[in-house]
């Protein structure tokens, strides 16, 4: 029998903003639907040094999709290729400054995201 773990973040928390409030009432939270979406979110989290997403990824295998929720607008901004390339370029050109960590330190999480781990 294979052990499996299900990770789920509260349905009222945007994993990117780490807020329990919607940006606007019509902007509801959505969940990841594909492995490609998860990989996009994870890649952006690595570049931006987003602790909650990176912590979650530590519990996942490379083929699992976590049950996390986010605002569509947050994902668009968070994973914007132009910004990610600029952050990566800045980190490479100033390795002593650790530009990625500096960028992520500007935004402090407002709540601690808790993971519910279920063994199947």
PDB file of N, CA and C in Angstrom:
ATOM      1  N   UNK A   1       0.844  -1.186   0.000  1.00  0.00           N
ATOM      2  CA  UNK A   1       0.000   0.000   0.000  1.00  0.00           C
ATOM      3  C   UNK A   1       0.887   1.246   0.000  1.00  0.00           C
ATOM      4  N   UNK A   2       0.618   2.144  -0.891  1.00  0.00           N
ATOM      5  CA  UNK A   2       1.421   3.348  -1.051  1.00  0.00           C
ATOM      6  C   UNK A   2       0.930   4.445  -0.121  1.00  0.00           C
ATOM      7  N   UNK A   3       1.871   5.103   0.572  1.00  0.00           N
ATOM      8  CA  UNK A   3       1.512   6.242   1.411  1.00  0.00           C
ATOM      9  C   UNK A   3       1.375   7.471   0.550  1.00  0.00           C
ATOM     10  N   UNK A   4       0.353   8.251   0.809  1.00  0.00           N
ATOM     11  CA  UNK A   4       0.130   9.476   0.065  1.00  0.00           C
ATOM     12  C   UNK A   4      -0.222  10.589   1.041  1.00  0.00           C
ATOM     13  N   UNK A   5       0.197  11.790   0.714  1.00  0.00           N
ATOM     14  CA  UNK A   5      -0.076  12.946   1.569  1.00  0.00           C
ATOM     15  C   UNK A   5      -0.855  13.959   0.757  1.00  0.00           C
ATOM     16  N   UNK A   6      -1.928  14.486   1.339  1.00  0.00           N
ATOM     17  CA  UNK A   6      -2.681  15.552   0.712  1.00  0.00           C
ATOM     18  C   UNK A   6      -2.422  16.831   1.483  1.00  0.00           C
ATOM     19  N   UNK A   7      -1.992  17.870   0.779  1.00  0.00           N
ATOM     20  CA  UNK A   7      -1.749  19.170   1.400  1.00  0.00           C
ATOM     21  C   UNK A   7      -2.812  20.137   0.920  1.00  0.00           C
ATOM     22  N   UNK A   8      -3.390  20.848   1.848  1.00  0.00           N
ATOM     23  CA  UNK A   8      -4.445  21.792   1.487  1.00  0.00           C
ATOM     24  C   UNK A   8      -4.299  23.051   2.325  1.00  0.00           C
ATOM     25  N   UNK A   9      -4.434  24.192   1.663  1.00  0.00           N
ATOM     26  CA  UNK A   9      -4.419  25.486   2.329  1.00  0.00           C
ATOM     27  C   UNK A   9      -5.853  25.977   2.373  1.00  0.00           C
ATOM     28  N   UNK A  10      -6.197  26.707   3.394  1.00  0.00           N
ATOM     29  CA  UNK A  10      -7.560  27.211   3.558  1.00  0.00           C
ATOM     30  C   UNK A  10      -8.096  27.823   2.266  1.00  0.00           C
ATOM     31  N   UNK A  11      -9.362  27.563   1.989  1.00  0.00           N
ATOM     32  CA  UNK A  11      -9.980  28.051   0.751  1.00  0.00           C
ATOM     33  C   UNK A  11     -10.233  29.554   0.756  1.00  0.00           C
ATOM     34  N   UNK A  12     -10.038  30.214   1.893  1.00  0.00           N
ATOM     35  CA  UNK A  12     -10.264  31.661   1.918  1.00  0.00           C
ATOM     36  C   UNK A  12      -8.962  32.454   2.000  1.00  0.00           C
ATOM     37  N   UNK A  13      -7.819  31.792   1.703  1.00  0.00           N
ATOM     38  CA  UNK A  13      -6.516  32.459   1.757  1.00  0.00           C
ATOM     39  C   UNK A  13      -5.857  32.411   0.385  1.00  0.00           C
ATOM     40  N   UNK A  14      -5.450  33.568  -0.100  1.00  0.00           N
ATOM     41  CA  UNK A  14      -4.664  33.649  -1.333  1.00  0.00           C
ATOM     42  C   UNK A  14      -3.229  33.282  -0.964  1.00  0.00           C
ATOM     43  N   UNK A  15      -2.702  32.201  -1.512  1.00  0.00           N
ATOM     44  CA  UNK A  15      -1.362  31.722  -1.177  1.00  0.00           C
ATOM     45  C   UNK A  15      -0.297  32.744  -1.565  1.00  0.00           C
ATOM     46  N   UNK A  16      -0.551  33.540  -2.571  1.00  0.00           N
ATOM     47  CA  UNK A  16       0.423  34.530  -3.021  1.00  0.00           C
ATOM     48  C   UNK A  16       0.448  35.732  -2.087  1.00  0.00           C
ATOM     49  N   UNK A  17      -0.716  36.282  -1.799  1.00  0.00           N
ATOM     50  CA  UNK A  17      -0.792  37.452  -0.906  1.00  0.00           C
ATOM     51  C   UNK A  17      -0.704  37.071   0.559  1.00  0.00           C
ATOM     52  N   UNK A  18      -1.077  35.843   0.858  1.00  0.00           N
ATOM     53  CA  UNK A  18      -1.177  35.353   2.228  1.00  0.00           C
ATOM     54  C   UNK A  18      -2.190  36.177   3.025  1.00  0.00           C
ATOM     55  N   UNK A  19      -3.282  36.493   2.346  1.00  0.00           N
ATOM     56  CA  UNK A  19      -4.381  37.239   2.962  1.00  0.00           C
ATOM     57  C   UNK A  19      -5.646  36.417   2.920  1.00  0.00           C
ATOM     58  N   UNK A  20      -6.504  36.631   3.892  1.00  0.00           N
ATOM     59  CA  UNK A  20      -7.770  35.919   3.899  1.00  0.00           C
ATOM     60  C   UNK A  20      -8.907  36.757   3.318  1.00  0.00           C
ATOM     61  N   UNK A  21      -8.598  37.902   2.757  1.00  0.00           N
ATOM     62  CA  UNK A  21      -9.614  38.764   2.171  1.00  0.00           C
ATOM     63  C   UNK A  21      -9.435  38.820   0.665  1.00  0.00           C
ATOM     64  N   UNK A  22     -10.532  38.853  -0.063  1.00  0.00           N
ATOM     65  CA  UNK A  22     -10.456  39.007  -1.514  1.00  0.00           C
ATOM     66  C   UNK A  22     -10.036  40.425  -1.850  1.00  0.00           C
ATOM     67  N   UNK A  23      -9.366  40.593  -3.008  1.00  0.00           N
ATOM     68  CA  UNK A  23      -9.002  41.929  -3.484  1.00  0.00           C
ATOM     69  C   UNK A  23     -10.280  42.712  -3.749  1.00  0.00           C
ATOM     70  N   UNK A  24     -11.199  42.106  -4.471  1.00  0.00           N
ATOM     71  CA  UNK A  24     -12.519  42.670  -4.737  1.00  0.00           C
ATOM     72  C   UNK A  24     -13.515  41.529  -4.591  1.00  0.00           C
ATOM     73  N   UNK A  25     -14.728  41.870  -4.287  1.00  0.00           N
ATOM     74  CA  UNK A  25     -15.723  40.819  -4.079  1.00  0.00           C
ATOM     75  C   UNK A  25     -15.922  39.954  -5.323  1.00  0.00           C
ATOM     76  N   UNK A  26     -15.767  40.537  -6.527  1.00  0.00           N
ATOM     77  CA  UNK A  26     -15.967  39.744  -7.739  1.00  0.00           C
ATOM     78  C   UNK A  26     -14.711  38.959  -8.140  1.00  0.00           C
ATOM     79  N   UNK A  27     -13.603  39.185  -7.452  1.00  0.00           N
ATOM     80  CA  UNK A  27     -12.362  38.485  -7.753  1.00  0.00           C
ATOM     81  C   UNK A  27     -12.200  37.315  -6.789  1.00  0.00           C
ATOM     82  N   UNK A  28     -12.815  36.209  -7.115  1.00  0.00           N
ATOM     83  CA  UNK A  28     -12.808  35.068  -6.206  1.00  0.00           C
ATOM     84  C   UNK A  28     -11.505  34.279  -6.316  1.00  0.00           C
ATOM     85  N   UNK A  29     -11.270  33.483  -5.310  1.00  0.00           N
ATOM     86  CA  UNK A  29     -10.084  32.632  -5.294  1.00  0.00           C
ATOM     87  C   UNK A  29     -10.317  31.425  -6.190  1.00  0.00           C
ATOM     88  N   UNK A  30      -9.264  31.032  -6.899  1.00  0.00           N
ATOM     89  CA  UNK A  30      -9.325  29.852  -7.750  1.00  0.00           C
ATOM     90  C   UNK A  30      -8.203  28.909  -7.325  1.00  0.00           C
ATOM     91  N   UNK A  31      -8.287  27.671  -7.761  1.00  0.00           N
ATOM     92  CA  UNK A  31      -7.274  26.685  -7.387  1.00  0.00           C
ATOM     93  C   UNK A  31      -6.448  26.285  -8.608  1.00  0.00           C
ATOM     94  N   UNK A  32      -5.305  25.680  -8.331  1.00  0.00           N
ATOM     95  CA  UNK A  32      -4.455  25.168  -9.399  1.00  0.00           C
ATOM     96  C   UNK A  32      -5.164  24.005 -10.077  1.00  0.00           C
ATOM     97  N   UNK A  33      -5.128  23.974 -11.399  1.00  0.00           N
ATOM     98  CA  UNK A  33      -5.803  22.905 -12.130  1.00  0.00           C
ATOM     99  C   UNK A  33      -4.827  21.951 -12.812  1.00  0.00           C
ATOM    100  N   UNK A  34      -3.626  22.433 -13.120  1.00  0.00           N
ATOM    101  CA  UNK A  34      -2.685  21.603 -13.865  1.00  0.00           C
ATOM    102  C   UNK A  34      -1.304  21.635 -13.213  1.00  0.00           C
ATOM    103  N   UNK A  35      -0.515  20.650 -13.553  1.00  0.00           N
ATOM    104  CA  UNK A  35       0.866  20.601 -13.087  1.00  0.00           C
ATOM    105  C   UNK A  35       1.654  21.787 -13.643  1.00  0.00           C
ATOM    106  N   UNK A  36       1.344  22.204 -14.853  1.00  0.00           N
ATOM    107  CA  UNK A  36       2.003  23.356 -15.457  1.00  0.00           C
ATOM    108  C   UNK A  36       1.746  24.627 -14.641  1.00  0.00           C
ATOM    109  N   UNK A  37       0.522  24.807 -14.161  1.00  0.00           N
ATOM    110  CA  UNK A  37       0.192  25.967 -13.321  1.00  0.00           C
ATOM    111  C   UNK A  37       0.993  25.944 -12.025  1.00  0.00           C
ATOM    112  N   UNK A  38       1.095  24.775 -11.404  1.00  0.00           N
ATOM    113  CA  UNK A  38       1.865  24.624 -10.171  1.00  0.00           C
ATOM    114  C   UNK A  38       3.346  24.932 -10.436  1.00  0.00           C
ATOM    115  N   UNK A  39       3.887  24.432 -11.536  1.00  0.00           N
ATOM    116  CA  UNK A  39       5.288  24.685 -11.859  1.00  0.00           C
ATOM    117  C   UNK A  39       5.547  26.166 -12.120  1.00  0.00           C
ATOM    118  N   UNK A  40       4.600  26.848 -12.747  1.00  0.00           N
ATOM    119  CA  UNK A  40       4.720  28.288 -12.971  1.00  0.00           C
ATOM    120  C   UNK A  40       4.743  29.034 -11.644  1.00  0.00           C
ATOM    121  N   UNK A  41       3.820  28.689 -10.754  1.00  0.00           N
ATOM    122  CA  UNK A  41       3.763  29.315  -9.432  1.00  0.00           C
ATOM    123  C   UNK A  41       5.039  29.020  -8.644  1.00  0.00           C
ATOM    124  N   UNK A  42       5.502  27.786  -8.683  1.00  0.00           N
ATOM    125  CA  UNK A  42       6.695  27.391  -7.938  1.00  0.00           C
ATOM    126  C   UNK A  42       7.947  28.090  -8.474  1.00  0.00           C
ATOM    127  N   UNK A  43       8.071  28.191  -9.790  1.00  0.00           N
ATOM    128  CA  UNK A  43       9.223  28.879 -10.385  1.00  0.00           C
ATOM    129  C   UNK A  43       9.258  30.346  -9.937  1.00  0.00           C
ATOM    130  N   UNK A  44       8.110  31.008  -9.984  1.00  0.00           N
ATOM    131  CA  UNK A  44       8.042  32.408  -9.544  1.00  0.00           C
ATOM    132  C   UNK A  44       8.364  32.520  -8.058  1.00  0.00           C
ATOM    133  N   UNK A  45       7.905  31.558  -7.270  1.00  0.00           N
ATOM    134  CA  UNK A  45       8.177  31.570  -5.826  1.00  0.00           C
ATOM    135  C   UNK A  45       9.668  31.408  -5.540  1.00  0.00           C
ATOM    136  N   UNK A  46      10.338  30.582  -6.322  1.00  0.00           N
ATOM    137  CA  UNK A  46      11.787  30.403  -6.147  1.00  0.00           C
ATOM    138  C   UNK A  46      12.523  31.705  -6.438  1.00  0.00           C
ATOM    139  N   UNK A  47      12.158  32.366  -7.511  1.00  0.00           N
ATOM    140  CA  UNK A  47      12.817  33.617  -7.887  1.00  0.00           C
ATOM    141  C   UNK A  47      12.522  34.707  -6.869  1.00  0.00           C
ATOM    142  N   UNK A  48      11.277  34.756  -6.385  1.00  0.00           N
ATOM    143  CA  UNK A  48      10.867  35.794  -5.429  1.00  0.00           C
ATOM    144  C   UNK A  48      11.127  35.399  -3.973  1.00  0.00           C
ATOM    145  N   UNK A  49      11.590  34.165  -3.769  1.00  0.00           N
ATOM    146  CA  UNK A  49      11.871  33.660  -2.418  1.00  0.00           C
ATOM    147  C   UNK A  49      10.626  33.742  -1.527  1.00  0.00           C
ATOM    148  N   UNK A  50       9.512  33.231  -2.030  1.00  0.00           N
ATOM    149  CA  UNK A  50       8.229  33.252  -1.313  1.00  0.00           C
ATOM    150  C   UNK A  50       8.177  32.054  -0.368  1.00  0.00           C
ATOM    151  N   UNK A  51       8.346  32.311   0.914  1.00  0.00           N
ATOM    152  CA  UNK A  51       8.529  31.252   1.915  1.00  0.00           C
ATOM    153  C   UNK A  51       7.373  30.255   1.979  1.00  0.00           C
ATOM    154  N   UNK A  52       6.146  30.714   1.983  1.00  0.00           N
ATOM    155  CA  UNK A  52       5.005  29.797   2.136  1.00  0.00           C
ATOM    156  C   UNK A  52       4.909  28.799   0.988  1.00  0.00           C
ATOM    157  N   UNK A  53       5.097  29.269  -0.221  1.00  0.00           N
ATOM    158  CA  UNK A  53       5.012  28.380  -1.379  1.00  0.00           C
ATOM    159  C   UNK A  53       6.206  27.424  -1.391  1.00  0.00           C
ATOM    160  N   UNK A  54       7.382  27.937  -1.050  1.00  0.00           N
ATOM    161  CA  UNK A  54       8.568  27.079  -1.012  1.00  0.00           C
ATOM    162  C   UNK A  54       8.454  26.022   0.085  1.00  0.00           C
ATOM    163  N   UNK A  55       7.898  26.397   1.233  1.00  0.00           N
ATOM    164  CA  UNK A  55       7.674  25.429   2.304  1.00  0.00           C
ATOM    165  C   UNK A  55       6.717  24.333   1.847  1.00  0.00           C
ATOM    166  N   UNK A  56       5.652  24.731   1.194  1.00  0.00           N
ATOM    167  CA  UNK A  56       4.680  23.774   0.680  1.00  0.00           C
ATOM    168  C   UNK A  56       5.328  22.828  -0.323  1.00  0.00           C
ATOM    169  N   UNK A  57       6.161  23.367  -1.194  1.00  0.00           N
ATOM    170  CA  UNK A  57       6.822  22.554  -2.220  1.00  0.00           C
ATOM    171  C   UNK A  57       7.724  21.490  -1.595  1.00  0.00           C
ATOM    172  N   UNK A  58       8.246  21.772  -0.414  1.00  0.00           N
ATOM    173  CA  UNK A  58       9.091  20.805   0.264  1.00  0.00           C
ATOM    174  C   UNK A  58       8.368  19.520   0.637  1.00  0.00           C
ATOM    175  N   UNK A  59       7.048  19.561   0.726  1.00  0.00           N
ATOM    176  CA  UNK A  59       6.250  18.383   1.057  1.00  0.00           C
ATOM    177  C   UNK A  59       5.729  17.655  -0.182  1.00  0.00           C
ATOM    178  N   UNK A  60       5.939  18.237  -1.342  1.00  0.00           N
ATOM    179  CA  UNK A  60       5.343  17.713  -2.562  1.00  0.00           C
ATOM    180  C   UNK A  60       6.353  16.928  -3.387  1.00  0.00           C
ATOM    181  N   UNK A  61       5.847  15.964  -4.159  1.00  0.00           N
ATOM    182  CA  UNK A  61       6.688  15.322  -5.163  1.00  0.00           C
ATOM    183  C   UNK A  61       6.594  16.167  -6.425  1.00  0.00           C
ATOM    184  N   UNK A  62       7.435  15.884  -7.393  1.00  0.00           N
ATOM    185  CA  UNK A  62       7.468  16.698  -8.610  1.00  0.00           C
ATOM    186  C   UNK A  62       6.212  16.538  -9.469  1.00  0.00           C
ATOM    187  N   UNK A  63       5.399  15.534  -9.200  1.00  0.00           N
ATOM    188  CA  UNK A  63       4.202  15.295 -10.015  1.00  0.00           C
ATOM    189  C   UNK A  63       2.899  15.607  -9.287  1.00  0.00           C
ATOM    190  N   UNK A  64       2.977  16.142  -8.070  1.00  0.00           N
ATOM    191  CA  UNK A  64       1.775  16.456  -7.300  1.00  0.00           C
ATOM    192  C   UNK A  64       1.367  17.916  -7.489  1.00  0.00           C
ATOM    193  N   UNK A  65       0.079  18.149  -7.403  1.00  0.00           N
ATOM    194  CA  UNK A  65      -0.470  19.500  -7.457  1.00  0.00           C
ATOM    195  C   UNK A  65      -1.131  19.778  -6.111  1.00  0.00           C
ATOM    196  N   UNK A  66      -0.647  20.774  -5.371  1.00  0.00           N
ATOM    197  CA  UNK A  66      -1.252  21.060  -4.069  1.00  0.00           C
ATOM    198  C   UNK A  66      -2.604  21.750  -4.223  1.00  0.00           C
ATOM    199  N   UNK A  67      -3.437  21.620  -3.215  1.00  0.00           N
ATOM    200  CA  UNK A  67      -4.723  22.320  -3.202  1.00  0.00           C
ATOM    201  C   UNK A  67      -4.509  23.684  -2.556  1.00  0.00           C
ATOM    202  N   UNK A  68      -4.113  24.638  -3.371  1.00  0.00           N
ATOM    203  CA  UNK A  68      -3.919  26.007  -2.905  1.00  0.00           C
ATOM    204  C   UNK A  68      -4.814  26.927  -3.728  1.00  0.00           C
ATOM    205  N   UNK A  69      -5.059  28.103  -3.198  1.00  0.00           N
ATOM    206  CA  UNK A  69      -5.989  29.037  -3.827  1.00  0.00           C
ATOM    207  C   UNK A  69      -5.317  30.385  -3.988  1.00  0.00           C
ATOM    208  N   UNK A  70      -5.695  31.091  -5.041  1.00  0.00           N
ATOM    209  CA  UNK A  70      -5.098  32.389  -5.332  1.00  0.00           C
ATOM    210  C   UNK A  70      -6.068  33.211  -6.169  1.00  0.00           C
ATOM    211  N   UNK A  71      -5.824  34.520  -6.191  1.00  0.00           N
ATOM    212  CA  UNK A  71      -6.567  35.407  -7.078  1.00  0.00           C
ATOM    213  C   UNK A  71      -5.897  35.360  -8.454  1.00  0.00           C
ATOM    214  N   UNK A  72      -6.674  35.322  -9.496  1.00  0.00           N
ATOM    215  CA  UNK A  72      -6.134  35.298 -10.857  1.00  0.00           C
ATOM    216  C   UNK A  72      -5.187  36.491 -11.070  1.00  0.00           C
ATOM    217  N   UNK A  73      -5.592  37.674 -10.589  1.00  0.00           N
ATOM    218  CA  UNK A  73      -4.762  38.876 -10.760  1.00  0.00           C
ATOM    219  C   UNK A  73      -3.437  38.739 -10.006  1.00  0.00           C
ATOM    220  N   UNK A  74      -3.465  38.128  -8.845  1.00  0.00           N
ATOM    221  CA  UNK A  74      -2.230  37.923  -8.080  1.00  0.00           C
ATOM    222  C   UNK A  74      -1.265  37.027  -8.849  1.00  0.00           C
ATOM    223  N   UNK A  75      -1.787  35.951  -9.432  1.00  0.00           N
ATOM    224  CA  UNK A  75      -0.937  35.025 -10.181  1.00  0.00           C
ATOM    225  C   UNK A  75      -0.332  35.714 -11.397  1.00  0.00           C
ATOM    226  N   UNK A  76      -1.124  36.529 -12.078  1.00  0.00           N
ATOM    227  CA  UNK A  76      -0.628  37.232 -13.266  1.00  0.00           C
ATOM    228  C   UNK A  76       0.557  38.122 -12.899  1.00  0.00           C
ATOM    229  N   UNK A  77       0.415  38.885 -11.828  1.00  0.00           N
ATOM    230  CA  UNK A  77       1.480  39.790 -11.400  1.00  0.00           C
ATOM    231  C   UNK A  77       2.661  39.006 -10.833  1.00  0.00           C
ATOM    232  N   UNK A  78       2.390  38.011 -10.015  1.00  0.00           N
ATOM    233  CA  UNK A  78       3.431  37.231  -9.343  1.00  0.00           C
ATOM    234  C   UNK A  78       4.314  36.487 -10.343  1.00  0.00           C
ATOM    235  N   UNK A  79       3.715  35.975 -11.404  1.00  0.00           N
ATOM    236  CA  UNK A  79       4.448  35.156 -12.373  1.00  0.00           C
ATOM    237  C   UNK A  79       4.766  35.903 -13.669  1.00  0.00           C
ATOM    238  N   UNK A  80       4.683  37.218 -13.651  1.00  0.00           N
ATOM    239  CA  UNK A  80       4.952  38.011 -14.850  1.00  0.00           C
ATOM    240  C   UNK A  80       6.396  37.798 -15.293  1.00  0.00           C
ATOM    241  N   UNK A  81       6.556  37.256 -16.463  1.00  0.00           N
ATOM    242  CA  UNK A  81       7.874  36.851 -16.946  1.00  0.00           C
ATOM    243  C   UNK A  81       8.859  38.014 -16.971  1.00  0.00           C
ATOM    244  N   UNK A  82       8.422  39.159 -17.405  1.00  0.00           N
ATOM    245  CA  UNK A  82       9.299  40.325 -17.489  1.00  0.00           C
ATOM    246  C   UNK A  82       9.909  40.650 -16.118  1.00  0.00           C
ATOM    247  N   UNK A  83       9.087  40.639 -15.081  1.00  0.00           N
ATOM    248  CA  UNK A  83       9.580  40.940 -13.737  1.00  0.00           C
ATOM    249  C   UNK A  83      10.499  39.844 -13.210  1.00  0.00           C
ATOM    250  N   UNK A  84      10.160  38.598 -13.490  1.00  0.00           N
ATOM    251  CA  UNK A  84      10.990  37.486 -13.021  1.00  0.00           C
ATOM    252  C   UNK A  84      12.366  37.510 -13.681  1.00  0.00           C
ATOM    253  N   UNK A  85      12.404  37.822 -14.972  1.00  0.00           N
ATOM    254  CA  UNK A  85      13.681  37.933 -15.683  1.00  0.00           C
ATOM    255  C   UNK A  85      14.507  39.070 -15.100  1.00  0.00           C
ATOM    256  N   UNK A  86      13.861  40.197 -14.817  1.00  0.00           N
ATOM    257  CA  UNK A  86      14.574  41.339 -14.232  1.00  0.00           C
ATOM    258  C   UNK A  86      15.123  40.999 -12.845  1.00  0.00           C
ATOM    259  N   UNK A  87      14.340  40.307 -12.030  1.00  0.00           N
ATOM    260  CA  UNK A  87      14.802  39.908 -10.701  1.00  0.00           C
ATOM    261  C   UNK A  87      15.989  38.949 -10.802  1.00  0.00           C
ATOM    262  N   UNK A  88      15.885  38.005 -11.706  1.00  0.00           N
ATOM    263  CA  UNK A  88      16.977  37.043 -11.881  1.00  0.00           C
ATOM    264  C   UNK A  88      18.236  37.745 -12.370  1.00  0.00           C
ATOM    265  N   UNK A  89      18.071  38.668 -13.323  1.00  0.00           N
ATOM    266  CA  UNK A  89      19.213  39.417 -13.864  1.00  0.00           C
ATOM    267  C   UNK A  89      19.873  40.247 -12.759  1.00  0.00           C
ATOM    268  N   UNK A  90      19.048  40.879 -11.927  1.00  0.00           N
ATOM    269  CA  UNK A  90      19.576  41.693 -10.843  1.00  0.00           C
ATOM    270  C   UNK A  90      20.331  40.824  -9.837  1.00  0.00           C
ATOM    271  N   UNK A  91      19.819  39.650  -9.553  1.00  0.00           N
ATOM    272  CA  UNK A  91      20.479  38.742  -8.614  1.00  0.00           C
ATOM    273  C   UNK A  91      21.822  38.268  -9.162  1.00  0.00           C
ATOM    274  N   UNK A  92      21.901  38.035 -10.467  1.00  0.00           N
ATOM    275  CA  UNK A  92      23.149  37.582 -11.087  1.00  0.00           C
ATOM    276  C   UNK A  92      24.169  38.711 -11.128  1.00  0.00           C
ATOM    277  N   UNK A  93      23.715  39.928 -11.432  1.00  0.00           N
ATOM    278  CA  UNK A  93      24.651  41.050 -11.541  1.00  0.00           C
ATOM    279  C   UNK A  93      25.124  41.560 -10.182  1.00  0.00           C
ATOM    280  N   UNK A  94      24.341  41.338  -9.128  1.00  0.00           N
ATOM    281  CA  UNK A  94      24.708  41.771  -7.770  1.00  0.00           C
ATOM    282  C   UNK A  94      24.575  40.599  -6.802  1.00  0.00           C
ATOM    283  N   UNK A  95      25.406  39.576  -6.941  1.00  0.00           N
ATOM    284  CA  UNK A  95      25.240  38.394  -6.089  1.00  0.00           C
ATOM    285  C   UNK A  95      25.406  38.691  -4.604  1.00  0.00           C
ATOM    286  N   UNK A  96      26.188  39.683  -4.255  1.00  0.00           N
ATOM    287  CA  UNK A  96      26.374  39.993  -2.837  1.00  0.00           C
ATOM    288  C   UNK A  96      25.144  40.664  -2.234  1.00  0.00           C
ATOM    289  N   UNK A  97      24.340  41.298  -3.079  1.00  0.00           N
ATOM    290  CA  UNK A  97      23.138  41.983  -2.586  1.00  0.00           C
ATOM    291  C   UNK A  97      21.980  41.028  -2.362  1.00  0.00           C
ATOM    292  N   UNK A  98      22.027  39.858  -2.961  1.00  0.00           N
ATOM    293  CA  UNK A  98      20.929  38.893  -2.883  1.00  0.00           C
ATOM    294  C   UNK A  98      19.618  39.581  -3.250  1.00  0.00           C
ATOM    295  N   UNK A  99      19.554  40.054  -4.489  1.00  0.00           N
ATOM    296  CA  UNK A  99      18.429  40.862  -4.963  1.00  0.00           C
ATOM    297  C   UNK A  99      17.085  40.176  -4.812  1.00  0.00           C
ATOM    298  N   UNK A 100      17.061  38.874  -4.963  1.00  0.00           N
ATOM    299  CA  UNK A 100      15.783  38.163  -4.841  1.00  0.00           C
ATOM    300  C   UNK A 100      15.262  38.267  -3.416  1.00  0.00           C
ATOM    301  N   UNK A 101      16.132  38.068  -2.437  1.00  0.00           N
ATOM    302  CA  UNK A 101      15.709  38.157  -1.038  1.00  0.00           C
ATOM    303  C   UNK A 101      15.302  39.582  -0.689  1.00  0.00           C
ATOM    304  N   UNK A 102      16.004  40.562  -1.230  1.00  0.00           N
ATOM    305  CA  UNK A 102      15.653  41.959  -0.971  1.00  0.00           C
ATOM    306  C   UNK A 102      14.269  42.257  -1.515  1.00  0.00           C
ATOM    307  N   UNK A 103      13.978  41.779  -2.718  1.00  0.00           N
ATOM    308  CA  UNK A 103      12.666  42.008  -3.323  1.00  0.00           C
ATOM    309  C   UNK A 103      11.567  41.389  -2.480  1.00  0.00           C
ATOM    310  N   UNK A 104      11.753  40.164  -2.039  1.00  0.00           N
ATOM    311  CA  UNK A 104      10.700  39.502  -1.285  1.00  0.00           C
ATOM    312  C   UNK A 104      10.565  40.068   0.123  1.00  0.00           C
ATOM    313  N   UNK A 105      11.629  40.655   0.649  1.00  0.00           N
ATOM    314  CA  UNK A 105      11.571  41.211   2.000  1.00  0.00           C
ATOM    315  C   UNK A 105      10.721  42.482   2.063  1.00  0.00           C
ATOM    316  N   UNK A 106      10.495  43.111   0.921  1.00  0.00           N
ATOM    317  CA  UNK A 106       9.684  44.332   0.902  1.00  0.00           C
ATOM    318  C   UNK A 106       8.240  44.049   1.290  1.00  0.00           C
ATOM    319  N   UNK A 107       7.759  42.842   0.986  1.00  0.00           N
ATOM    320  CA  UNK A 107       6.380  42.482   1.277  1.00  0.00           C
ATOM    321  C   UNK A 107       6.380  41.463   2.400  1.00  0.00           C
ATOM    322  N   UNK A 108       5.923  41.862   3.540  1.00  0.00           N
ATOM    323  CA  UNK A 108       5.856  40.966   4.681  1.00  0.00           C
ATOM    324  C   UNK A 108       4.511  40.246   4.693  1.00  0.00           C
ATOM    325  N   UNK A 109       4.498  38.938   4.929  1.00  0.00           N
ATOM    326  CA  UNK A 109       3.218  38.227   4.991  1.00  0.00           C
ATOM    327  C   UNK A 109       2.359  38.740   6.142  1.00  0.00           C
ATOM    328  N   UNK A 110       1.062  38.820   5.892  1.00  0.00           N
ATOM    329  CA  UNK A 110       0.139  39.339   6.900  1.00  0.00           C
ATOM    330  C   UNK A 110      -0.389  38.248   7.812  1.00  0.00           C
ATOM    331  N   UNK A 111      -0.399  37.021   7.318  1.00  0.00           N
ATOM    332  CA  UNK A 111      -0.808  35.898   8.156  1.00  0.00           C
ATOM    333  C   UNK A 111       0.136  34.732   7.888  1.00  0.00           C
ATOM    334  N   UNK A 112       0.195  33.830   8.797  1.00  0.00           N
ATOM    335  CA  UNK A 112       0.992  32.622   8.604  1.00  0.00           C
ATOM    336  C   UNK A 112       0.105  31.606   7.904  1.00  0.00           C
ATOM    337  N   UNK A 113       0.519  31.122   6.761  1.00  0.00           N
ATOM    338  CA  UNK A 113      -0.257  30.135   6.021  1.00  0.00           C
ATOM    339  C   UNK A 113      -0.023  28.774   6.664  1.00  0.00           C
ATOM    340  N   UNK A 114      -1.110  28.133   7.036  1.00  0.00           N
ATOM    341  CA  UNK A 114      -1.033  26.826   7.681  1.00  0.00           C
ATOM    342  C   UNK A 114      -1.400  25.747   6.668  1.00  0.00           C
ATOM    343  N   UNK A 115      -0.678  24.657   6.689  1.00  0.00           N
ATOM    344  CA  UNK A 115      -0.931  23.543   5.791  1.00  0.00           C
ATOM    345  C   UNK A 115      -1.613  22.427   6.568  1.00  0.00           C
ATOM    346  N   UNK A 116      -2.641  21.864   5.975  1.00  0.00           N
ATOM    347  CA  UNK A 116      -3.307  20.695   6.563  1.00  0.00           C
ATOM    348  C   UNK A 116      -2.755  19.477   5.840  1.00  0.00           C
ATOM    349  N   UNK A 117      -2.111  18.593   6.564  1.00  0.00           N
ATOM    350  CA  UNK A 117      -1.517  17.406   5.970  1.00  0.00           C
ATOM    351  C   UNK A 117      -2.373  16.199   6.328  1.00  0.00           C
ATOM    352  N   UNK A 118      -2.826  15.504   5.298  1.00  0.00           N
ATOM    353  CA  UNK A 118      -3.666  14.332   5.482  1.00  0.00           C
ATOM    354  C   UNK A 118      -2.964  13.128   4.888  1.00  0.00           C
ATOM    355  N   UNK A 119      -2.791  12.082   5.672  1.00  0.00           N
ATOM    356  CA  UNK A 119      -2.212  10.843   5.164  1.00  0.00           C
ATOM    357  C   UNK A 119      -3.330   9.977   4.630  1.00  0.00           C
ATOM    358  N   UNK A 120      -3.174   9.528   3.404  1.00  0.00           N
ATOM    359  CA  UNK A 120      -4.194   8.681   2.774  1.00  0.00           C
ATOM    360  C   UNK A 120      -3.802   7.227   2.859  1.00  0.00           C
TER     361      UNK A 120
END
